[in-house]
Amino acid sequence: MLTALLLFLPLAAALLLHFTKGGTARALALGASLAEFGLAAYAAVSYKVQGPAAFDLNYAWIPSAGISFHVGMDGLSLLLVLLTTFLVPIVLLTAFKHDYRNPSAFYALVLFMQTGLIGVFTSLDAFLFYFFWEVALIPIYFLAGVWGNSERRIQITFKFFLYTIIGSLFMLAGFVYLYLQTGPAGGAAHSADLQAFYGLTLSAAEQSWLFWLIFAAFAVKMPIFPFHTWQPDTYTESPTPATMLLSGIMLKMGIYGTMRWLLPVVPLGVSQWQKPVIILSVIGVIYGAIIAIRQRDVKRLIAYSSLSHVGLMAAGLFSLNTMGLQGTVVQMLAHGVNVVGMFFIADAIERRTGTRNVADLGGLTRRTPVLTVCFLVMLLSTVALPLTAGFVGEFLLLAGLYQYNMWLGAVAGLTIIFSAVYLLRMFQRTMLGPDSAYSETITDLSGGELALMVPLIALVFWIGLFPNSFLHISEPAVMNLLTLIGR
């Protein structure tokens, strides 16, 4: 029941927002998002006591077709639900800093998207998963297309939509084939339940082509090289709250989907294509980092940095060992916190100066000591400084990848050097460089902005200092996943 409440609370708030405006709309949107986080926190506490079975809800949705409204949470789902509900209030508070036209619709779309995200992370039925996968796409299309920052926003958003919908259709085709293989031979008792998919016995040839049908959707959503071409423009030209949703939460849909719906379902296909996918992911790590070094737009630089870090997560995920999978889980949390914090800093600078061009900035730290400290903390976590969130995940990912292949691990490890180069250089040129036209006029973070950054910074050090508080939640799910893959 708790899982259903997590699903429908933001949906109900989104519908109510269409009948409110002004301060009432802000209060309703923020109140609903905080209540949602409270429910997720209660679920985390209950999980330790009652276990994942307490969150399972299985209702016969279309009984004649074997399709159920089956939702639930294990440790893996729970952590991503926590991440989603933690970040959405921050996204909304960032939106409050802007004067968007028709703000009630904007906030409603954010909450509607939260419903889709929670649905993806909790669905245990293939067609329900596909339904929420598509639901999550609709609000981000309008958020980016209607409230985007560029005259090219329609073209850019359509490219993103086209990539995503084509990948989703391939995934649907794969799910339909798997669905038809369930039930008695020649019978009609088919099932779309996840456990039914886990129980299938498919040939290596079937699993080989099914792998690419299903992985296409996940590869686009992450994205990994060469399925990434929609990402830099979409991240850059979308309004900052939409960019936060895309980078902080939505890309986790692809990683989660791979872990839940691909690796255990077609393990022979994964085994066959494991190395090519890891190579593509490592190429993405280096490619994203090199392109980031050449960027002069702060937001675009962060977008390419995100591409590089996601490549490392995908490579570690496909190493198919405990360290790689656990590293993927904790890095999903760390990346979500880091990238949202970085985009918030970029937005704060742009709101004060009217520019994101590194060449136009410089000497900002003279009048912005609080902004400088917050910027530096988020940056160092992204660089994977020890005792910060980014270090734990990257260490486990690189260890898992090194365990799979020493040379691929060594090449992927270059991301730490490259990220230090482009991020520290950006920081030096914007905050510590020669004085610019904004050095004497820029203002520091307000009390409200600092209050928004404090939870992000606290989580950076919580994950960095006490990673086991998250890893022990995901460990049973990860071990079960490895058992299914090696069955």
Protein backbone atom coordinates (compact mmCIF):
# COMPACT_ATOMS: atom_id res chain seq x y z
CA MET A 1 0.00 0.00 0.00
CA LEU A 2 2.89 2.35 0.79
CA THR A 3 4.26 1.88 -2.73
CA ALA A 4 0.88 2.80 -4.23
CA LEU A 5 0.75 5.90 -2.04
CA LEU A 6 4.21 6.91 -3.26
CA LEU A 7 2.90 6.58 -6.81
CA PHE A 8 -0.37 8.43 -6.52
CA LEU A 9 0.46 11.27 -4.11
CA PRO A 10 2.45 13.34 -6.66
CA LEU A 11 -0.11 12.52 -9.35
CA ALA A 12 -2.95 13.83 -7.18
CA ALA A 13 -0.97 16.97 -6.35
CA ALA A 14 -0.19 17.52 -10.04
CA LEU A 15 -3.91 17.37 -10.88
CA LEU A 16 -4.77 19.79 -8.06
CA LEU A 17 -2.13 22.25 -9.25
CA HIS A 18 -4.20 22.96 -12.36
CA PHE A 19 -6.79 24.61 -10.10
CA THR A 20 -4.35 26.75 -8.10
CA LYS A 21 -2.02 29.64 -8.82
CA GLY A 22 0.56 31.91 -7.24
CA GLY A 23 1.78 31.16 -3.73
CA THR A 24 -0.82 28.44 -3.26
CA ALA A 25 0.60 26.50 -6.21
CA ARG A 26 4.13 26.78 -4.83
CA ALA A 27 3.04 25.67 -1.37
CA LEU A 28 1.07 22.71 -2.73
CA ALA A 29 3.88 21.53 -5.03
CA LEU A 30 6.56 21.83 -2.34
CA GLY A 31 4.33 20.34 0.35
CA ALA A 32 3.48 17.32 -1.81
CA SER A 33 7.14 16.72 -2.68
CA LEU A 34 8.20 16.93 0.98
CA ALA A 35 5.39 14.57 2.00
CA GLU A 36 6.58 12.19 -0.70
CA PHE A 37 10.11 12.30 0.70
CA GLY A 38 8.70 11.64 4.17
CA LEU A 39 6.93 8.53 2.86
CA ALA A 40 10.13 7.32 1.19
CA ALA A 41 12.10 7.89 4.41
CA TYR A 42 9.46 5.92 6.34
CA ALA A 43 9.78 3.13 3.76
CA ALA A 44 13.55 3.07 4.32
CA VAL A 45 13.04 2.68 8.07
CA SER A 46 10.35 0.03 7.55
CA TYR A 47 12.54 -1.85 5.08
CA LYS A 48 15.09 -2.57 7.79
CA VAL A 49 12.37 -3.98 10.03
CA GLN A 50 9.86 -5.63 7.72
CA GLY A 51 11.86 -6.37 4.56
CA PRO A 52 10.87 -5.76 0.92
CA ALA A 53 7.74 -7.95 1.02
CA ALA A 54 5.99 -5.23 3.02
CA PHE A 55 5.93 -2.97 -0.04
CA ASP A 56 4.57 -5.47 -2.57
CA LEU A 57 1.21 -4.76 -4.21
CA ASN A 58 -0.09 -7.11 -6.88
CA TYR A 59 -3.50 -6.33 -8.41
CA ALA A 60 -4.85 -8.15 -11.46
CA TRP A 61 -5.04 -5.25 -13.90
CA ILE A 62 -5.91 -7.15 -17.13
CA PRO A 63 -6.36 -10.74 -15.88
CA SER A 64 -7.22 -12.21 -19.27
CA ALA A 65 -3.87 -11.05 -20.63
CA GLY A 66 -1.79 -11.88 -17.57
CA ILE A 67 -0.97 -8.18 -16.93
CA SER A 68 -0.96 -6.97 -13.34
CA PHE A 69 -0.54 -3.71 -11.49
CA HIS A 70 2.42 -5.22 -9.66
CA VAL A 71 4.67 -2.80 -7.80
CA GLY A 72 7.15 -3.26 -4.99
CA MET A 73 10.53 -2.24 -3.66
CA ASP A 74 13.68 -4.11 -2.79
CA GLY A 75 16.90 -2.40 -1.70
CA LEU A 76 17.79 -1.29 -5.22
CA SER A 77 14.37 0.23 -5.91
CA LEU A 78 14.20 1.83 -2.48
CA LEU A 79 17.48 3.73 -2.91
CA LEU A 80 16.36 5.17 -6.23
CA VAL A 81 12.96 6.12 -4.81
CA LEU A 82 14.79 7.87 -1.97
CA LEU A 83 17.02 9.69 -4.47
CA THR A 84 14.01 10.78 -6.54
CA THR A 85 11.99 12.03 -3.59
CA PHE A 86 15.05 13.79 -2.13
CA LEU A 87 15.88 15.66 -5.33
CA VAL A 88 12.40 16.69 -6.50
CA PRO A 89 11.91 19.28 -3.69
CA ILE A 90 15.30 20.76 -4.64
CA VAL A 91 14.22 20.89 -8.28
CA LEU A 92 11.03 22.69 -7.29
CA LEU A 93 12.88 25.17 -5.06
CA THR A 94 15.20 25.91 -7.98
CA ALA A 95 12.16 26.52 -10.18
CA PHE A 96 10.81 28.99 -7.61
CA LYS A 97 13.85 31.19 -8.32
CA HIS A 98 12.62 31.76 -11.88
CA ASP A 99 9.63 33.63 -13.22
CA TYR A 100 8.25 30.93 -15.53
CA ARG A 101 5.05 31.61 -17.42
CA ASN A 102 2.15 29.46 -16.24
CA PRO A 103 4.08 28.24 -13.16
CA SER A 104 1.27 25.95 -11.96
CA ALA A 105 1.58 23.88 -15.14
CA PHE A 106 5.37 23.82 -14.75
CA TYR A 107 5.19 22.50 -11.18
CA ALA A 108 2.45 20.04 -12.13
CA LEU A 109 4.65 18.59 -14.87
CA VAL A 110 7.52 18.15 -12.41
CA LEU A 111 5.25 16.18 -10.05
CA PHE A 112 3.72 14.23 -12.94
CA MET A 113 7.22 13.25 -13.99
CA GLN A 114 7.94 12.16 -10.42
CA THR A 115 5.01 9.76 -10.71
CA GLY A 116 6.53 8.27 -13.86
CA LEU A 117 9.96 7.95 -12.26
CA ILE A 118 8.63 6.25 -9.12
CA GLY A 119 6.58 3.96 -11.36
CA VAL A 120 9.66 2.90 -13.33
CA PHE A 121 11.62 2.16 -10.15
CA THR A 122 8.84 0.10 -8.54
CA SER A 123 7.16 -1.73 -11.46
CA LEU A 124 7.38 -5.53 -11.39
CA ASP A 125 5.26 -6.12 -14.50
CA ALA A 126 6.79 -5.59 -17.95
CA PHE A 127 3.90 -3.67 -19.48
CA LEU A 128 3.44 -1.58 -16.34
CA PHE A 129 7.18 -0.77 -16.51
CA TYR A 130 6.81 0.24 -20.17
CA PHE A 131 3.75 2.35 -19.32
CA PHE A 132 5.60 4.35 -16.67
CA TRP A 133 8.69 4.52 -18.89
CA GLU A 134 6.62 6.40 -21.46
CA VAL A 135 4.77 8.44 -18.82
CA ALA A 136 8.09 9.86 -17.61
CA LEU A 137 8.89 11.06 -21.14
CA ILE A 138 5.78 13.22 -21.61
CA PRO A 139 6.39 15.89 -18.92
CA ILE A 140 10.08 16.32 -19.70
CA TYR A 141 9.19 16.86 -23.38
CA PHE A 142 6.94 19.78 -22.45
CA LEU A 143 9.25 21.14 -19.74
CA ALA A 144 12.13 21.32 -22.21
CA GLY A 145 10.11 22.27 -25.29
CA VAL A 146 7.85 24.94 -23.80
CA TRP A 147 10.10 26.49 -21.17
CA GLY A 148 13.45 25.93 -22.91
CA ASN A 149 16.08 28.66 -23.24
CA SER A 150 16.76 28.54 -26.97
CA GLU A 151 14.99 29.20 -30.25
CA ARG A 152 16.14 25.68 -31.21
CA ARG A 153 14.38 24.13 -28.22
CA ILE A 154 11.63 22.49 -30.32
CA GLN A 155 14.16 20.92 -32.68
CA ILE A 156 16.38 19.79 -29.78
CA THR A 157 13.48 18.39 -27.76
CA PHE A 158 12.06 16.57 -30.78
CA LYS A 159 15.44 14.89 -31.33
CA PHE A 160 15.43 13.73 -27.71
CA PHE A 161 11.83 12.53 -28.05
CA LEU A 162 12.60 10.67 -31.28
CA TYR A 163 15.64 8.89 -29.83
CA THR A 164 13.72 7.88 -26.72
CA ILE A 165 10.53 6.72 -28.43
CA ILE A 166 12.38 4.61 -31.01
CA GLY A 167 14.44 2.95 -28.28
CA SER A 168 11.27 2.36 -26.26
CA LEU A 169 9.55 0.66 -29.20
CA PHE A 170 12.47 -1.75 -29.55
CA MET A 171 12.16 -2.52 -25.82
CA LEU A 172 8.42 -3.08 -26.19
CA ALA A 173 9.04 -5.53 -29.05
CA GLY A 174 11.46 -7.43 -26.82
CA PHE A 175 8.97 -7.50 -23.95
CA VAL A 176 6.19 -8.77 -26.23
CA TYR A 177 8.42 -11.62 -27.43
CA LEU A 178 9.32 -12.55 -23.84
CA TYR A 179 5.66 -12.34 -22.82
CA LEU A 180 4.69 -14.77 -25.58
CA GLN A 181 7.27 -17.27 -24.33
CA THR A 182 5.70 -17.48 -20.87
CA GLY A 183 2.96 -19.93 -19.89
CA PRO A 184 2.43 -23.53 -21.02
CA ALA A 185 3.71 -24.45 -24.45
CA GLY A 186 1.03 -23.59 -26.96
CA GLY A 187 -1.26 -22.26 -24.23
CA ALA A 188 -2.66 -18.82 -23.56
CA ALA A 189 -1.69 -18.43 -19.89
CA HIS A 190 0.94 -15.80 -20.55
CA SER A 191 2.32 -13.45 -17.92
CA ALA A 192 4.14 -10.12 -18.02
CA ASP A 193 5.37 -10.49 -14.45
CA LEU A 194 9.07 -9.97 -13.85
CA GLN A 195 9.44 -13.36 -12.14
CA ALA A 196 7.88 -15.05 -15.16
CA PHE A 197 10.55 -13.44 -17.34
CA TYR A 198 13.26 -14.59 -14.92
CA GLY A 199 11.99 -18.15 -15.21
CA LEU A 200 12.23 -18.36 -19.01
CA THR A 201 14.64 -20.71 -20.73
CA LEU A 202 15.77 -19.09 -23.98
CA SER A 203 18.43 -20.16 -26.43
CA ALA A 204 21.69 -18.23 -26.75
CA ALA A 205 20.65 -17.02 -30.21
CA GLU A 206 17.33 -15.68 -28.89
CA GLN A 207 19.02 -13.94 -25.99
CA SER A 208 21.60 -12.39 -28.30
CA TRP A 209 19.14 -10.37 -30.38
CA LEU A 210 16.79 -9.78 -27.46
CA PHE A 211 19.69 -8.14 -25.65
CA TRP A 212 19.92 -5.35 -28.24
CA LEU A 213 16.16 -4.93 -28.54
CA ILE A 214 15.83 -4.23 -24.82
CA PHE A 215 19.19 -2.53 -24.29
CA ALA A 216 18.46 0.03 -27.04
CA ALA A 217 16.01 1.88 -24.78
CA PHE A 218 18.34 1.80 -21.79
CA ALA A 219 21.43 2.85 -23.78
CA VAL A 220 19.60 5.91 -25.13
CA LYS A 221 18.29 6.94 -21.72
CA MET A 222 21.64 6.73 -19.88
CA PRO A 223 23.04 7.65 -22.50
CA ILE A 224 26.19 5.79 -23.53
CA PHE A 225 28.33 6.35 -26.61
CA PRO A 226 27.24 6.48 -29.46
CA PHE A 227 23.59 6.88 -28.35
CA HIS A 228 24.37 10.16 -26.62
CA THR A 229 24.01 12.81 -29.33
CA TRP A 230 20.69 14.13 -27.96
CA GLN A 231 22.13 14.73 -24.50
CA PRO A 232 24.43 17.81 -24.60
CA ASP A 233 21.95 20.05 -26.43
CA THR A 234 18.98 18.90 -24.34
CA TYR A 235 20.82 19.42 -21.05
CA THR A 236 22.11 22.83 -22.13
CA GLU A 237 18.96 24.33 -23.63
CA SER A 238 16.41 22.99 -21.14
CA PRO A 239 15.42 25.11 -18.13
CA THR A 240 17.62 24.24 -15.16
CA PRO A 241 14.92 22.30 -13.22
CA ALA A 242 14.32 20.11 -16.30
CA THR A 243 18.07 19.60 -16.69
CA MET A 244 18.25 18.53 -13.04
CA LEU A 245 15.49 15.98 -13.59
CA LEU A 246 17.13 14.65 -16.73
CA SER A 247 20.64 14.35 -15.31
CA GLY A 248 19.96 13.72 -11.64
CA ILE A 249 17.18 11.14 -11.92
CA MET A 250 15.98 10.29 -15.42
CA LEU A 251 19.25 8.81 -16.70
CA LYS A 252 19.12 6.41 -13.72
CA MET A 253 16.09 4.84 -15.43
CA GLY A 254 18.41 3.35 -18.05
CA ILE A 255 20.88 1.99 -15.50
CA TYR A 256 18.13 0.61 -13.28
CA GLY A 257 16.32 -0.93 -16.24
CA THR A 258 19.52 -2.68 -17.28
CA MET A 259 19.98 -4.13 -13.81
CA ARG A 260 16.36 -5.18 -13.33
CA TRP A 261 15.07 -6.07 -16.80
CA LEU A 262 18.11 -6.97 -18.91
CA LEU A 263 20.96 -8.65 -17.03
CA PRO A 264 18.87 -11.35 -15.27
CA VAL A 265 16.47 -11.93 -18.19
CA VAL A 266 18.97 -12.55 -21.01
CA PRO A 267 22.21 -13.52 -19.22
CA LEU A 268 23.58 -15.43 -22.24
CA GLY A 269 23.03 -12.37 -24.43
CA VAL A 270 24.77 -10.23 -21.80
CA SER A 271 27.69 -12.65 -21.76
CA GLN A 272 27.99 -12.46 -25.56
CA TRP A 273 27.86 -8.65 -25.79
CA GLN A 274 29.45 -7.77 -22.46
CA LYS A 275 32.86 -6.76 -23.80
CA PRO A 276 31.60 -4.61 -26.75
CA VAL A 277 29.30 -2.70 -24.38
CA ILE A 278 32.12 -2.12 -21.89
CA ILE A 279 34.38 -0.88 -24.69
CA LEU A 280 31.68 1.53 -25.91
CA SER A 281 31.19 2.73 -22.34
CA VAL A 282 34.93 3.34 -21.82
CA ILE A 283 35.05 5.21 -25.14
CA GLY A 284 32.25 7.37 -23.77
CA VAL A 285 34.24 8.01 -20.59
CA ILE A 286 37.23 9.37 -22.54
CA TYR A 287 35.19 11.07 -25.27
CA GLY A 288 32.98 12.93 -22.79
CA ALA A 289 35.98 14.07 -20.77
CA ILE A 290 37.95 15.33 -23.79
CA ILE A 291 34.96 17.23 -25.17
CA ALA A 292 34.31 18.70 -21.70
CA ILE A 293 37.86 20.11 -21.64
CA ARG A 294 37.07 22.14 -24.76
CA GLN A 295 33.78 23.62 -23.51
CA ARG A 296 33.36 27.29 -22.62
CA ASP A 297 29.69 27.10 -21.57
CA VAL A 298 29.47 26.04 -17.90
CA LYS A 299 26.23 24.13 -18.35
CA ARG A 300 27.45 22.31 -21.45
CA LEU A 301 30.68 21.39 -19.70
CA ILE A 302 28.70 19.80 -16.86
CA ALA A 303 26.60 17.93 -19.45
CA TYR A 304 29.68 16.33 -21.02
CA SER A 305 31.08 15.62 -17.57
CA SER A 306 27.86 13.73 -16.80
CA LEU A 307 28.24 11.75 -20.03
CA SER A 308 31.75 10.72 -19.00
CA HIS A 309 30.68 9.63 -15.52
CA VAL A 310 27.70 7.67 -16.85
CA GLY A 311 30.05 5.81 -19.18
CA LEU A 312 32.01 4.66 -16.14
CA MET A 313 28.82 3.51 -14.42
CA ALA A 314 27.80 1.49 -17.49
CA ALA A 315 31.26 -0.09 -17.75
CA GLY A 316 31.25 -1.03 -14.06
CA LEU A 317 27.72 -2.38 -14.35
CA PHE A 318 28.67 -4.74 -17.17
CA SER A 319 31.74 -6.00 -15.31
CA LEU A 320 29.14 -8.27 -13.60
CA ASN A 321 30.89 -8.57 -10.25
CA THR A 322 29.91 -7.46 -6.77
CA MET A 323 32.15 -4.41 -6.65
CA GLY A 324 31.04 -3.22 -10.08
CA LEU A 325 27.33 -3.56 -9.28
CA GLN A 326 27.60 -2.05 -5.81
CA GLY A 327 29.72 0.73 -7.25
CA THR A 328 26.99 1.40 -9.81
CA VAL A 329 24.37 1.66 -7.07
CA VAL A 330 26.29 4.08 -4.86
CA GLN A 331 27.50 6.10 -7.84
CA MET A 332 23.91 6.56 -9.04
CA LEU A 333 23.22 8.23 -5.70
CA ALA A 334 26.44 10.26 -5.73
CA HIS A 335 26.04 11.33 -9.35
CA GLY A 336 22.45 12.44 -8.73
CA VAL A 337 23.51 14.64 -5.81
CA ASN A 338 26.64 15.97 -7.52
CA VAL A 339 25.13 16.86 -10.86
CA VAL A 340 22.07 18.55 -9.35
CA GLY A 341 24.37 20.59 -7.10
CA MET A 342 26.59 21.55 -10.03
CA PHE A 343 23.65 22.63 -12.19
CA PHE A 344 22.24 24.65 -9.29
CA ILE A 345 25.57 26.50 -8.95
CA ALA A 346 25.64 27.13 -12.70
CA ASP A 347 22.08 28.45 -12.52
CA ALA A 348 22.92 30.71 -9.55
CA ILE A 349 25.85 32.22 -11.46
CA GLU A 350 23.78 32.71 -14.62
CA ARG A 351 20.93 34.39 -12.72
CA ARG A 352 23.41 36.86 -11.22
CA THR A 353 25.49 37.58 -14.30
CA GLY A 354 23.30 36.71 -17.30
CA THR A 355 26.02 34.50 -18.80
CA ARG A 356 27.38 30.96 -18.61
CA ASN A 357 30.46 31.70 -20.71
CA VAL A 358 33.62 30.92 -18.74
CA ALA A 359 35.54 33.60 -20.66
CA ASP A 360 33.15 36.30 -19.42
CA LEU A 361 33.51 35.34 -15.76
CA GLY A 362 36.36 35.63 -13.31
CA GLY A 363 37.16 36.87 -9.83
CA LEU A 364 33.69 36.01 -8.52
CA THR A 365 34.92 34.60 -5.23
CA ARG A 366 35.83 38.06 -3.94
CA ARG A 367 32.17 38.80 -3.14
CA THR A 368 30.77 35.26 -3.01
CA PRO A 369 32.60 33.23 -0.33
CA VAL A 370 29.56 31.03 0.42
CA LEU A 371 28.91 30.32 -3.26
CA THR A 372 32.60 29.52 -3.69
CA VAL A 373 32.63 26.98 -0.85
CA CYS A 374 29.45 25.28 -2.08
CA PHE A 375 30.82 25.20 -5.64
CA LEU A 376 34.10 23.70 -4.45
CA VAL A 377 32.47 20.96 -2.36
CA MET A 378 30.25 19.79 -5.24
CA LEU A 379 33.16 20.01 -7.68
CA LEU A 380 35.53 17.98 -5.49
CA SER A 381 32.89 15.29 -5.01
CA THR A 382 32.48 15.13 -8.79
CA VAL A 383 36.26 14.80 -9.11
CA ALA A 384 36.04 11.88 -6.62
CA LEU A 385 38.04 13.38 -3.76
CA PRO A 386 38.35 10.85 -0.89
CA LEU A 387 35.73 11.24 1.87
CA THR A 388 33.19 12.62 -0.63
CA ALA A 389 30.32 10.79 -2.33
CA GLY A 390 32.02 10.59 -5.72
CA PHE A 391 35.05 8.73 -4.38
CA VAL A 392 33.25 5.66 -3.05
CA GLY A 393 31.35 4.96 -6.25
CA GLU A 394 34.26 5.56 -8.61
CA PHE A 395 36.62 3.45 -6.50
CA LEU A 396 34.22 0.48 -6.53
CA LEU A 397 33.47 0.93 -10.25
CA LEU A 398 37.13 1.04 -11.22
CA ALA A 399 37.93 -1.90 -8.94
CA GLY A 400 35.13 -3.94 -10.51
CA LEU A 401 36.20 -2.99 -14.03
CA TYR A 402 39.85 -3.71 -13.22
CA GLN A 403 38.79 -7.12 -11.91
CA TYR A 404 37.13 -7.77 -15.28
CA ASN A 405 39.98 -6.43 -17.43
CA MET A 406 43.09 -4.66 -16.19
CA TRP A 407 43.64 -2.56 -19.33
CA LEU A 408 40.04 -1.39 -19.63
CA GLY A 409 40.14 -0.47 -15.94
CA ALA A 410 43.33 1.53 -16.45
CA VAL A 411 41.92 3.47 -19.42
CA ALA A 412 38.64 4.18 -17.60
CA GLY A 413 40.66 5.39 -14.61
CA LEU A 414 41.84 8.33 -16.70
CA THR A 415 38.44 9.90 -15.99
CA ILE A 416 39.72 11.02 -12.57
CA ILE A 417 42.61 12.92 -14.18
CA PHE A 418 40.49 14.39 -16.96
CA SER A 419 37.67 15.48 -14.65
CA ALA A 420 40.18 17.21 -12.39
CA VAL A 421 41.53 19.06 -15.42
CA TYR A 422 38.28 20.43 -16.81
CA LEU A 423 36.46 21.03 -13.53
CA LEU A 424 39.30 22.66 -11.63
CA ARG A 425 40.15 24.80 -14.64
CA MET A 426 36.52 25.92 -14.87
CA PHE A 427 36.55 26.77 -11.16
CA GLN A 428 39.82 28.68 -11.44
CA ARG A 429 38.65 30.74 -14.42
CA THR A 430 35.23 31.60 -13.03
CA MET A 431 35.88 32.05 -9.33
CA LEU A 432 39.60 32.77 -8.99
CA GLY A 433 40.61 34.15 -12.40
CA PRO A 434 41.23 37.80 -13.32
CA ASP A 435 38.47 40.19 -12.30
CA SER A 436 35.55 40.44 -14.69
CA ALA A 437 32.74 42.93 -15.13
CA TYR A 438 30.79 41.02 -12.46
CA SER A 439 33.48 40.84 -9.75
CA GLU A 440 32.21 43.90 -7.87
CA THR A 441 28.48 43.57 -8.49
CA ILE A 442 27.72 39.86 -8.02
CA THR A 443 25.92 38.88 -4.81
CA ASP A 444 26.48 35.81 -2.67
CA LEU A 445 24.00 32.98 -2.13
CA SER A 446 20.93 34.03 -0.19
CA GLY A 447 19.83 32.27 2.96
CA GLY A 448 17.22 30.31 1.01
CA GLU A 449 19.75 29.20 -1.60
CA LEU A 450 22.20 28.14 1.11
CA ALA A 451 19.43 26.18 2.83
CA LEU A 452 18.86 24.39 -0.48
CA MET A 453 22.56 23.52 -0.82
CA VAL A 454 23.02 22.28 2.75
CA PRO A 455 21.16 18.94 2.25
CA LEU A 456 23.16 18.26 -0.92
CA ILE A 457 26.47 18.97 0.83
CA ALA A 458 25.41 16.90 3.84
CA LEU A 459 24.65 13.94 1.57
CA VAL A 460 27.99 14.36 -0.21
CA PHE A 461 29.80 13.74 3.08
CA TRP A 462 27.30 11.18 4.38
CA ILE A 463 27.83 8.94 1.35
CA GLY A 464 31.57 9.60 1.42
CA LEU A 465 32.04 8.87 5.13
CA PHE A 466 29.36 6.22 5.74
CA PRO A 467 28.75 4.44 2.42
CA ASN A 468 27.71 1.24 4.15
CA SER A 469 24.48 2.89 5.29
CA PHE A 470 23.45 2.68 1.62
CA LEU A 471 25.43 -0.33 0.44
CA HIS A 472 23.91 -2.68 3.03
CA ILE A 473 20.42 -1.78 1.76
CA SER A 474 21.30 -2.69 -1.83
CA GLU A 475 23.51 -5.69 -1.05
CA PRO A 476 20.77 -8.38 -0.89
CA ALA A 477 19.30 -7.16 -4.20
CA VAL A 478 22.74 -7.09 -5.83
CA MET A 479 23.61 -10.60 -4.63
CA ASN A 480 20.26 -11.90 -5.86
CA LEU A 481 20.92 -10.22 -9.20
CA LEU A 482 24.31 -11.93 -9.51
CA THR A 483 22.69 -15.26 -8.66
CA LEU A 484 20.10 -14.79 -11.42
CA ILE A 485 22.77 -13.81 -13.94
CA GLY A 486 24.89 -16.84 -13.13
CA ARG A 487 22.04 -19.33 -12.95
